[in-house]
Amino acid sequence: MAQFSVNAERFDPYKNFKFRVKWDGNYVAGVSKVGALSRSTEVIEHRTGGDASSSRLSPGQTKYEAITLERGVTHDPAFEQWANKVWNYGSGLGSEVSLKDFRKDIIIEVMNEAGQVAIAYKVYRCWVSEFQALPELDASGNEIAIQSIQLQNEGWERDYDVTEPTEPSFTEPA
């Protein structure tokens, strides 16, 4: 089976540096790093009295790992506003948490080198469990100030409506 069905001449897998993140119908500005989408399923070991000495293995509960998003510190408040829905210090007794809308579905898009969306994943019922507004600051440093959110989620799936795009070919002018 070919790795690429539409672009049969393509040999290289997609790169990890062309991506976008979307929530509430909008792309999130400046996201520079997205943690891995990872899940694990517990193993249940069992046997019956009449079985041979070895055990049988069955799948148990599945756990979806948290996803970390990072970006440079700017004036865009999207990370902080979402984190504040889970806990907003000083907002007054009873209004520290927004139980109504603290969960969001997000979309992670991977693009080919031409900037076409090639693969997308939908991540469901995310909420911010950790927010880093500012990194450690260092007067002798030489780095970008990065903020991050850690998203707990209840599962993800590939969006199979996003199919392999026909990649443009460029010909030399005559």
N, C-alpha and C. Protein backbone atom coordinates (compact mmCIF):
# COMPACT_ATOMS: atom_id res chain seq x y z
N MET A 1 0.85 -1.19 0.00
CA MET A 1 0.00 0.00 0.00
C MET A 1 0.88 1.24 0.00
N ALA A 2 0.52 2.22 -0.80
CA ALA A 2 1.28 3.47 -0.89
C ALA A 2 1.04 4.32 0.36
N GLN A 3 2.05 5.03 0.78
CA GLN A 3 1.92 5.92 1.93
C GLN A 3 1.02 7.11 1.63
N PHE A 4 1.00 7.53 0.37
CA PHE A 4 0.20 8.67 -0.07
C PHE A 4 -0.60 8.24 -1.29
N SER A 5 -1.92 8.29 -1.19
CA SER A 5 -2.76 7.81 -2.29
C SER A 5 -2.98 8.86 -3.37
N VAL A 6 -3.09 10.12 -2.99
CA VAL A 6 -3.34 11.18 -3.96
C VAL A 6 -2.04 11.64 -4.62
N ASN A 7 -1.00 11.77 -3.84
CA ASN A 7 0.30 12.25 -4.32
C ASN A 7 1.28 11.07 -4.31
N ALA A 8 1.09 10.15 -5.27
CA ALA A 8 1.86 8.90 -5.29
C ALA A 8 3.36 9.14 -5.38
N GLU A 9 3.76 10.28 -5.91
CA GLU A 9 5.19 10.57 -6.04
C GLU A 9 5.80 11.11 -4.75
N ARG A 10 4.98 11.43 -3.79
CA ARG A 10 5.47 11.94 -2.51
C ARG A 10 6.09 10.79 -1.73
N PHE A 11 7.25 11.05 -1.15
CA PHE A 11 7.96 10.04 -0.40
C PHE A 11 8.08 10.40 1.07
N ASP A 12 8.27 11.68 1.37
CA ASP A 12 8.54 12.13 2.74
C ASP A 12 7.27 12.28 3.56
N PRO A 13 7.31 11.82 4.82
CA PRO A 13 6.18 12.06 5.73
C PRO A 13 6.02 13.56 6.01
N TYR A 14 4.90 13.92 6.60
CA TYR A 14 4.66 15.32 6.93
C TYR A 14 5.62 15.77 8.04
N LYS A 15 5.94 17.04 8.01
CA LYS A 15 6.86 17.62 9.00
C LYS A 15 6.09 18.00 10.26
N ASN A 16 6.79 18.16 11.36
CA ASN A 16 6.12 18.49 12.62
C ASN A 16 6.05 19.99 12.90
N PHE A 17 6.46 20.83 11.96
CA PHE A 17 6.50 22.27 12.21
C PHE A 17 5.43 23.07 11.47
N LYS A 18 4.54 22.40 10.75
CA LYS A 18 3.46 23.10 10.05
C LYS A 18 2.14 22.64 10.65
N PHE A 19 1.55 23.46 11.52
CA PHE A 19 0.32 23.07 12.20
C PHE A 19 -0.43 24.30 12.67
N ARG A 20 -1.71 24.10 12.99
CA ARG A 20 -2.55 25.14 13.58
C ARG A 20 -3.46 24.51 14.60
N VAL A 21 -3.90 25.33 15.56
CA VAL A 21 -4.85 24.90 16.59
C VAL A 21 -6.06 25.83 16.52
N LYS A 22 -7.24 25.23 16.65
CA LYS A 22 -8.48 26.00 16.52
C LYS A 22 -9.41 25.63 17.67
N TRP A 23 -10.04 26.66 18.26
CA TRP A 23 -11.14 26.44 19.20
C TRP A 23 -12.12 27.58 19.07
N ASP A 24 -13.35 27.33 19.44
CA ASP A 24 -14.44 28.31 19.29
C ASP A 24 -14.52 28.85 17.87
N GLY A 25 -14.16 28.02 16.90
CA GLY A 25 -14.25 28.42 15.49
C GLY A 25 -13.13 29.33 15.01
N ASN A 26 -12.14 29.63 15.86
CA ASN A 26 -11.05 30.53 15.49
C ASN A 26 -9.70 29.86 15.67
N TYR A 27 -8.75 30.24 14.82
CA TYR A 27 -7.39 29.77 15.00
C TYR A 27 -6.75 30.54 16.14
N VAL A 28 -5.97 29.85 16.96
CA VAL A 28 -5.33 30.45 18.12
C VAL A 28 -3.98 31.01 17.66
N ALA A 29 -3.76 32.28 17.95
CA ALA A 29 -2.56 32.96 17.48
C ALA A 29 -1.30 32.45 18.17
N GLY A 30 -0.25 32.28 17.39
CA GLY A 30 1.09 32.09 17.91
C GLY A 30 1.43 30.77 18.56
N VAL A 31 0.61 29.73 18.43
CA VAL A 31 0.95 28.46 19.07
C VAL A 31 2.22 27.91 18.40
N SER A 32 3.24 27.68 19.20
CA SER A 32 4.53 27.23 18.66
C SER A 32 4.83 25.77 18.97
N LYS A 33 4.08 25.18 19.89
CA LYS A 33 4.33 23.79 20.24
C LYS A 33 3.04 23.15 20.75
N VAL A 34 2.79 21.92 20.29
CA VAL A 34 1.64 21.14 20.73
C VAL A 34 2.19 19.80 21.21
N GLY A 35 1.83 19.43 22.43
CA GLY A 35 2.26 18.14 22.96
C GLY A 35 1.64 17.00 22.17
N ALA A 36 2.18 15.82 22.35
CA ALA A 36 1.73 14.64 21.61
C ALA A 36 0.31 14.23 21.98
N LEU A 37 -0.41 13.69 21.00
CA LEU A 37 -1.70 13.05 21.26
C LEU A 37 -1.37 11.61 21.64
N SER A 38 -1.71 11.25 22.86
CA SER A 38 -1.32 9.95 23.35
C SER A 38 -2.45 9.36 24.20
N ARG A 39 -2.66 8.06 24.03
CA ARG A 39 -3.64 7.36 24.85
C ARG A 39 -3.06 6.01 25.24
N SER A 40 -3.54 5.50 26.35
CA SER A 40 -3.10 4.17 26.78
C SER A 40 -4.31 3.42 27.32
N THR A 41 -4.29 2.11 27.12
CA THR A 41 -5.38 1.26 27.58
C THR A 41 -4.81 0.26 28.58
N GLU A 42 -5.43 0.22 29.75
CA GLU A 42 -4.99 -0.71 30.78
C GLU A 42 -5.22 -2.14 30.32
N VAL A 43 -4.36 -3.03 30.81
CA VAL A 43 -4.47 -4.44 30.48
C VAL A 43 -5.11 -5.17 31.66
N ILE A 44 -6.14 -5.95 31.38
CA ILE A 44 -6.79 -6.77 32.41
C ILE A 44 -6.34 -8.21 32.18
N GLU A 45 -5.72 -8.77 33.18
CA GLU A 45 -5.25 -10.14 33.11
C GLU A 45 -6.26 -11.04 33.80
N HIS A 46 -6.63 -12.13 33.15
CA HIS A 46 -7.62 -13.03 33.75
C HIS A 46 -7.41 -14.45 33.24
N ARG A 47 -7.95 -15.39 33.96
CA ARG A 47 -7.95 -16.78 33.52
C ARG A 47 -9.05 -17.52 34.25
N THR A 48 -9.48 -18.58 33.68
CA THR A 48 -10.46 -19.43 34.34
C THR A 48 -9.75 -20.69 34.84
N GLY A 49 -10.40 -21.39 35.73
CA GLY A 49 -9.79 -22.57 36.36
C GLY A 49 -9.38 -23.65 35.38
N GLY A 50 -10.09 -23.76 34.26
CA GLY A 50 -9.78 -24.82 33.30
C GLY A 50 -8.74 -24.42 32.27
N ASP A 51 -8.31 -23.13 32.27
CA ASP A 51 -7.32 -22.67 31.30
C ASP A 51 -5.95 -23.26 31.61
N ALA A 52 -5.10 -23.22 30.62
CA ALA A 52 -3.70 -23.61 30.83
C ALA A 52 -3.09 -22.64 31.84
N SER A 53 -1.86 -22.83 32.16
CA SER A 53 -1.21 -22.02 33.19
C SER A 53 -1.05 -20.56 32.81
N SER A 54 -1.17 -20.23 31.55
CA SER A 54 -1.00 -18.83 31.16
C SER A 54 -2.32 -18.06 31.26
N SER A 55 -2.19 -16.75 31.38
CA SER A 55 -3.35 -15.87 31.52
C SER A 55 -3.80 -15.34 30.17
N ARG A 56 -5.01 -14.88 30.15
CA ARG A 56 -5.54 -14.17 28.97
C ARG A 56 -5.45 -12.68 29.28
N LEU A 57 -5.35 -11.90 28.22
CA LEU A 57 -5.25 -10.45 28.37
C LEU A 57 -6.40 -9.80 27.62
N SER A 58 -7.06 -8.83 28.28
CA SER A 58 -8.17 -8.09 27.68
C SER A 58 -7.94 -6.60 27.88
N PRO A 59 -8.48 -5.79 26.97
CA PRO A 59 -8.36 -4.34 27.16
C PRO A 59 -9.27 -3.85 28.28
N GLY A 60 -8.77 -2.90 29.07
CA GLY A 60 -9.53 -2.29 30.15
C GLY A 60 -9.86 -0.85 29.81
N GLN A 61 -9.78 0.02 30.80
CA GLN A 61 -10.11 1.42 30.60
C GLN A 61 -9.01 2.14 29.80
N THR A 62 -9.44 3.06 28.96
CA THR A 62 -8.52 3.86 28.16
C THR A 62 -8.39 5.24 28.77
N LYS A 63 -7.16 5.74 28.81
CA LYS A 63 -6.86 7.06 29.36
C LYS A 63 -6.21 7.91 28.27
N TYR A 64 -6.69 9.13 28.14
CA TYR A 64 -6.13 10.09 27.18
C TYR A 64 -5.23 11.05 27.96
N GLU A 65 -3.99 11.15 27.53
CA GLU A 65 -3.01 11.99 28.23
C GLU A 65 -3.28 13.47 27.97
N ALA A 66 -2.88 14.31 28.90
CA ALA A 66 -3.03 15.77 28.76
C ALA A 66 -2.18 16.26 27.59
N ILE A 67 -2.62 17.35 26.98
CA ILE A 67 -1.92 17.96 25.85
C ILE A 67 -1.46 19.34 26.27
N THR A 68 -0.20 19.65 26.05
CA THR A 68 0.32 20.97 26.39
C THR A 68 0.43 21.82 25.13
N LEU A 69 -0.06 23.06 25.21
CA LEU A 69 0.09 24.03 24.13
C LEU A 69 1.00 25.14 24.62
N GLU A 70 1.96 25.56 23.79
CA GLU A 70 2.88 26.64 24.16
C GLU A 70 2.85 27.71 23.08
N ARG A 71 3.11 28.93 23.53
CA ARG A 71 3.26 30.05 22.59
C ARG A 71 4.00 31.17 23.28
N GLY A 72 4.54 32.08 22.47
CA GLY A 72 5.22 33.24 23.02
C GLY A 72 4.24 34.17 23.70
N VAL A 73 4.71 34.86 24.74
CA VAL A 73 3.87 35.81 25.48
C VAL A 73 3.60 37.03 24.59
N THR A 74 2.32 37.34 24.41
CA THR A 74 1.89 38.52 23.64
C THR A 74 0.72 39.16 24.39
N HIS A 75 -0.01 40.00 23.70
CA HIS A 75 -1.20 40.62 24.31
C HIS A 75 -2.47 39.84 24.03
N ASP A 76 -2.39 38.73 23.29
CA ASP A 76 -3.57 37.90 23.03
C ASP A 76 -3.94 37.17 24.32
N PRO A 77 -5.14 37.39 24.83
CA PRO A 77 -5.52 36.81 26.13
C PRO A 77 -6.16 35.42 26.06
N ALA A 78 -6.14 34.73 24.90
CA ALA A 78 -6.90 33.49 24.73
C ALA A 78 -6.54 32.42 25.76
N PHE A 79 -5.26 32.18 26.02
CA PHE A 79 -4.87 31.15 26.99
C PHE A 79 -5.39 31.52 28.38
N GLU A 80 -5.15 32.77 28.77
CA GLU A 80 -5.53 33.21 30.12
C GLU A 80 -7.04 33.22 30.31
N GLN A 81 -7.78 33.66 29.30
CA GLN A 81 -9.23 33.70 29.42
C GLN A 81 -9.81 32.30 29.61
N TRP A 82 -9.25 31.32 28.88
CA TRP A 82 -9.75 29.96 29.04
C TRP A 82 -9.37 29.40 30.41
N ALA A 83 -8.13 29.64 30.83
CA ALA A 83 -7.68 29.17 32.15
C ALA A 83 -8.53 29.79 33.26
N ASN A 84 -8.93 31.04 33.10
CA ASN A 84 -9.74 31.72 34.11
C ASN A 84 -11.15 31.15 34.23
N LYS A 85 -11.61 30.43 33.23
CA LYS A 85 -12.92 29.79 33.32
C LYS A 85 -12.89 28.63 34.32
N VAL A 86 -11.71 28.04 34.52
CA VAL A 86 -11.56 26.95 35.47
C VAL A 86 -11.31 27.48 36.86
N TRP A 87 -10.49 28.53 36.97
CA TRP A 87 -10.25 29.16 38.27
C TRP A 87 -9.80 30.59 38.05
N ASN A 88 -10.56 31.54 38.58
CA ASN A 88 -10.24 32.95 38.44
C ASN A 88 -10.12 33.57 39.83
N TYR A 89 -8.92 33.67 40.31
CA TYR A 89 -8.64 34.20 41.64
C TYR A 89 -9.17 35.63 41.77
N GLY A 90 -9.82 35.92 42.87
CA GLY A 90 -10.29 37.28 43.15
C GLY A 90 -11.55 37.68 42.44
N SER A 91 -12.24 36.73 41.80
CA SER A 91 -13.45 37.10 41.05
C SER A 91 -14.70 37.11 41.92
N GLY A 92 -14.55 36.75 43.18
CA GLY A 92 -15.70 36.79 44.08
C GLY A 92 -16.22 35.41 44.39
N LEU A 93 -16.69 35.26 45.61
CA LEU A 93 -17.18 33.98 46.09
C LEU A 93 -18.29 33.45 45.19
N GLY A 94 -18.14 32.22 44.73
CA GLY A 94 -19.14 31.59 43.88
C GLY A 94 -18.96 31.82 42.40
N SER A 95 -18.08 32.73 42.01
CA SER A 95 -17.88 32.97 40.58
C SER A 95 -16.43 32.71 40.15
N GLU A 96 -15.70 31.93 40.96
CA GLU A 96 -14.32 31.60 40.60
C GLU A 96 -14.25 30.62 39.43
N VAL A 97 -15.31 29.83 39.24
CA VAL A 97 -15.33 28.80 38.21
C VAL A 97 -16.52 29.01 37.30
N SER A 98 -16.30 28.86 35.99
CA SER A 98 -17.39 28.96 35.02
C SER A 98 -17.78 27.55 34.61
N LEU A 99 -18.69 26.93 35.36
CA LEU A 99 -19.08 25.56 35.09
C LEU A 99 -19.80 25.40 33.76
N LYS A 100 -20.36 26.48 33.25
CA LYS A 100 -21.15 26.43 32.03
C LYS A 100 -20.29 26.18 30.79
N ASP A 101 -19.13 26.82 30.69
CA ASP A 101 -18.39 26.77 29.42
C ASP A 101 -16.87 26.65 29.59
N PHE A 102 -16.42 25.92 30.61
CA PHE A 102 -14.98 25.79 30.79
C PHE A 102 -14.39 24.68 29.91
N ARG A 103 -15.24 23.84 29.31
CA ARG A 103 -14.77 22.80 28.40
C ARG A 103 -14.92 23.27 26.95
N LYS A 104 -13.94 22.90 26.13
CA LYS A 104 -13.99 23.23 24.71
C LYS A 104 -13.50 22.04 23.90
N ASP A 105 -14.03 21.90 22.71
CA ASP A 105 -13.45 20.98 21.74
C ASP A 105 -12.43 21.77 20.94
N ILE A 106 -11.30 21.14 20.64
CA ILE A 106 -10.30 21.82 19.82
C ILE A 106 -10.01 20.98 18.58
N ILE A 107 -9.40 21.60 17.61
CA ILE A 107 -8.99 20.93 16.38
C ILE A 107 -7.51 21.21 16.19
N ILE A 108 -6.75 20.16 15.92
CA ILE A 108 -5.33 20.30 15.60
C ILE A 108 -5.15 19.90 14.15
N GLU A 109 -4.66 20.83 13.34
CA GLU A 109 -4.45 20.58 11.91
C GLU A 109 -2.96 20.47 11.61
N VAL A 110 -2.59 19.46 10.84
CA VAL A 110 -1.23 19.30 10.35
C VAL A 110 -1.27 19.62 8.86
N MET A 111 -0.32 20.45 8.42
CA MET A 111 -0.31 20.88 7.02
C MET A 111 0.91 20.35 6.30
N ASN A 112 0.79 20.25 4.99
CA ASN A 112 1.95 19.89 4.18
C ASN A 112 2.82 21.14 3.97
N GLU A 113 3.91 20.99 3.26
CA GLU A 113 4.85 22.10 3.07
C GLU A 113 4.23 23.26 2.31
N ALA A 114 3.19 22.98 1.52
CA ALA A 114 2.52 24.03 0.75
C ALA A 114 1.46 24.76 1.58
N GLY A 115 1.28 24.37 2.85
CA GLY A 115 0.31 25.04 3.71
C GLY A 115 -1.10 24.51 3.57
N GLN A 116 -1.27 23.35 2.93
CA GLN A 116 -2.59 22.74 2.78
C GLN A 116 -2.84 21.81 3.97
N VAL A 117 -4.05 21.85 4.50
CA VAL A 117 -4.38 20.96 5.62
C VAL A 117 -4.38 19.53 5.11
N ALA A 118 -3.55 18.69 5.73
CA ALA A 118 -3.40 17.30 5.29
C ALA A 118 -4.04 16.32 6.27
N ILE A 119 -3.96 16.61 7.56
CA ILE A 119 -4.49 15.74 8.61
C ILE A 119 -5.07 16.63 9.70
N ALA A 120 -6.18 16.21 10.29
CA ALA A 120 -6.75 16.96 11.41
C ALA A 120 -7.26 15.98 12.47
N TYR A 121 -7.14 16.40 13.71
CA TYR A 121 -7.66 15.64 14.84
C TYR A 121 -8.60 16.53 15.64
N LYS A 122 -9.72 15.94 16.07
CA LYS A 122 -10.65 16.61 16.96
C LYS A 122 -10.39 16.10 18.37
N VAL A 123 -10.22 17.02 19.30
CA VAL A 123 -9.97 16.66 20.70
C VAL A 123 -11.17 17.16 21.49
N TYR A 124 -11.77 16.26 22.28
CA TYR A 124 -13.06 16.53 22.89
C TYR A 124 -12.99 16.89 24.37
N ARG A 125 -13.87 17.82 24.75
CA ARG A 125 -14.12 18.21 26.14
C ARG A 125 -12.84 18.55 26.91
N CYS A 126 -12.04 19.43 26.30
CA CYS A 126 -10.79 19.87 26.92
C CYS A 126 -11.06 20.93 27.98
N TRP A 127 -10.21 20.96 28.98
CA TRP A 127 -10.24 22.04 29.98
C TRP A 127 -8.82 22.24 30.49
N VAL A 128 -8.55 23.47 30.93
CA VAL A 128 -7.20 23.86 31.33
C VAL A 128 -6.94 23.41 32.77
N SER A 129 -6.00 22.49 32.93
CA SER A 129 -5.64 22.03 34.28
C SER A 129 -4.39 22.72 34.79
N GLU A 130 -3.64 23.33 33.90
CA GLU A 130 -2.43 24.04 34.31
C GLU A 130 -2.20 25.21 33.36
N PHE A 131 -1.90 26.36 33.92
CA PHE A 131 -1.64 27.57 33.12
C PHE A 131 -0.36 28.22 33.61
N GLN A 132 0.56 28.44 32.71
CA GLN A 132 1.78 29.17 33.04
C GLN A 132 1.72 30.49 32.28
N ALA A 133 1.46 31.58 33.01
CA ALA A 133 1.32 32.90 32.39
C ALA A 133 2.66 33.45 31.94
N LEU A 134 3.68 33.26 32.75
CA LEU A 134 5.03 33.74 32.44
C LEU A 134 6.04 32.65 32.78
N PRO A 135 7.12 32.56 32.01
CA PRO A 135 8.17 31.63 32.37
C PRO A 135 9.07 32.27 33.43
N GLU A 136 10.07 31.55 33.84
CA GLU A 136 11.10 32.14 34.68
C GLU A 136 11.76 33.26 33.88
N LEU A 137 11.88 34.43 34.48
CA LEU A 137 12.49 35.57 33.80
C LEU A 137 13.96 35.67 34.22
N ASP A 138 14.81 36.02 33.25
CA ASP A 138 16.25 36.01 33.49
C ASP A 138 16.87 37.19 32.75
N ALA A 139 17.41 38.15 33.50
CA ALA A 139 18.01 39.34 32.89
C ALA A 139 19.21 38.99 32.02
N SER A 140 19.82 37.84 32.24
CA SER A 140 20.97 37.41 31.43
C SER A 140 20.55 36.46 30.32
N GLY A 141 19.27 36.18 30.22
CA GLY A 141 18.78 35.22 29.24
C GLY A 141 18.70 35.79 27.84
N ASN A 142 18.46 34.91 26.90
CA ASN A 142 18.34 35.29 25.49
C ASN A 142 17.32 34.36 24.83
N GLU A 143 16.09 34.36 25.35
CA GLU A 143 15.05 33.46 24.87
C GLU A 143 13.72 34.19 24.77
N ILE A 144 12.80 33.58 24.08
CA ILE A 144 11.43 34.09 23.99
C ILE A 144 10.70 33.71 25.28
N ALA A 145 9.90 34.62 25.80
CA ALA A 145 9.06 34.31 26.97
C ALA A 145 7.90 33.45 26.48
N ILE A 146 7.76 32.26 27.07
CA ILE A 146 6.75 31.29 26.64
C ILE A 146 5.69 31.12 27.73
N GLN A 147 4.41 31.11 27.30
CA GLN A 147 3.32 30.75 28.21
C GLN A 147 2.74 29.43 27.72
N SER A 148 2.08 28.72 28.62
CA SER A 148 1.56 27.41 28.23
C SER A 148 0.28 27.09 28.99
N ILE A 149 -0.50 26.21 28.38
CA ILE A 149 -1.66 25.62 29.04
C ILE A 149 -1.57 24.11 28.87
N GLN A 150 -2.03 23.41 29.90
CA GLN A 150 -2.11 21.96 29.82
C GLN A 150 -3.59 21.61 29.76
N LEU A 151 -3.97 20.85 28.74
CA LEU A 151 -5.37 20.53 28.51
C LEU A 151 -5.67 19.08 28.85
N GLN A 152 -6.55 18.88 29.82
CA GLN A 152 -7.10 17.56 30.05
C GLN A 152 -8.16 17.34 28.98
N ASN A 153 -8.36 16.12 28.56
CA ASN A 153 -9.35 15.86 27.52
C ASN A 153 -9.97 14.49 27.73
N GLU A 154 -11.11 14.28 27.09
CA GLU A 154 -11.83 13.03 27.23
C GLU A 154 -11.79 12.20 25.96
N GLY A 155 -10.82 12.47 25.11
CA GLY A 155 -10.64 11.66 23.92
C GLY A 155 -10.43 12.49 22.68
N TRP A 156 -9.91 11.83 21.67
CA TRP A 156 -9.67 12.48 20.38
C TRP A 156 -9.84 11.46 19.27
N GLU A 157 -10.09 11.99 18.08
CA GLU A 157 -10.22 11.13 16.91
C GLU A 157 -9.76 11.89 15.68
N ARG A 158 -9.29 11.14 14.72
CA ARG A 158 -8.89 11.75 13.46
C ARG A 158 -10.14 12.17 12.70
N ASP A 159 -10.07 13.31 12.05
CA ASP A 159 -11.17 13.82 11.24
C ASP A 159 -10.97 13.27 9.82
N TYR A 160 -11.68 12.21 9.50
CA TYR A 160 -11.51 11.57 8.20
C TYR A 160 -12.17 12.34 7.06
N ASP A 161 -12.89 13.42 7.38
CA ASP A 161 -13.39 14.31 6.34
C ASP A 161 -12.26 15.13 5.73
N VAL A 162 -11.15 15.26 6.46
CA VAL A 162 -9.96 15.93 5.94
C VAL A 162 -9.16 14.86 5.21
N THR A 163 -9.06 15.01 3.90
CA THR A 163 -8.37 14.01 3.08
C THR A 163 -7.08 14.59 2.53
N GLU A 164 -6.26 13.70 2.00
CA GLU A 164 -4.98 14.13 1.44
C GLU A 164 -5.21 15.12 0.31
N PRO A 165 -4.63 16.33 0.40
CA PRO A 165 -4.83 17.32 -0.66
C PRO A 165 -3.95 17.02 -1.87
N THR A 166 -4.40 17.44 -3.03
CA THR A 166 -3.56 17.34 -4.22
C THR A 166 -2.51 18.42 -4.11
N GLU A 167 -1.26 18.01 -4.03
CA GLU A 167 -0.18 18.97 -3.83
C GLU A 167 0.17 19.66 -5.15
N PRO A 168 0.43 20.96 -5.09
CA PRO A 168 0.75 21.68 -6.32
C PRO A 168 2.09 21.25 -6.87
N SER A 169 2.21 21.28 -8.19
CA SER A 169 3.50 21.01 -8.82
C SER A 169 3.91 22.28 -9.56
N PHE A 170 5.16 22.54 -9.55
CA PHE A 170 5.68 23.74 -10.20
C PHE A 170 6.53 23.33 -11.37
N THR A 171 6.29 23.96 -12.50
CA THR A 171 7.08 23.67 -13.70
C THR A 171 7.94 24.86 -14.02
N GLU A 172 9.04 24.58 -14.64
CA GLU A 172 9.97 25.65 -15.06
C GLU A 172 9.34 26.43 -16.21
N PRO A 173 9.46 27.76 -16.20
CA PRO A 173 8.92 28.55 -17.32
C PRO A 173 9.70 28.24 -18.60
N ALA A 174 9.00 28.26 -19.72
CA ALA A 174 9.61 27.93 -21.01
C ALA A 174 10.51 29.04 -21.51
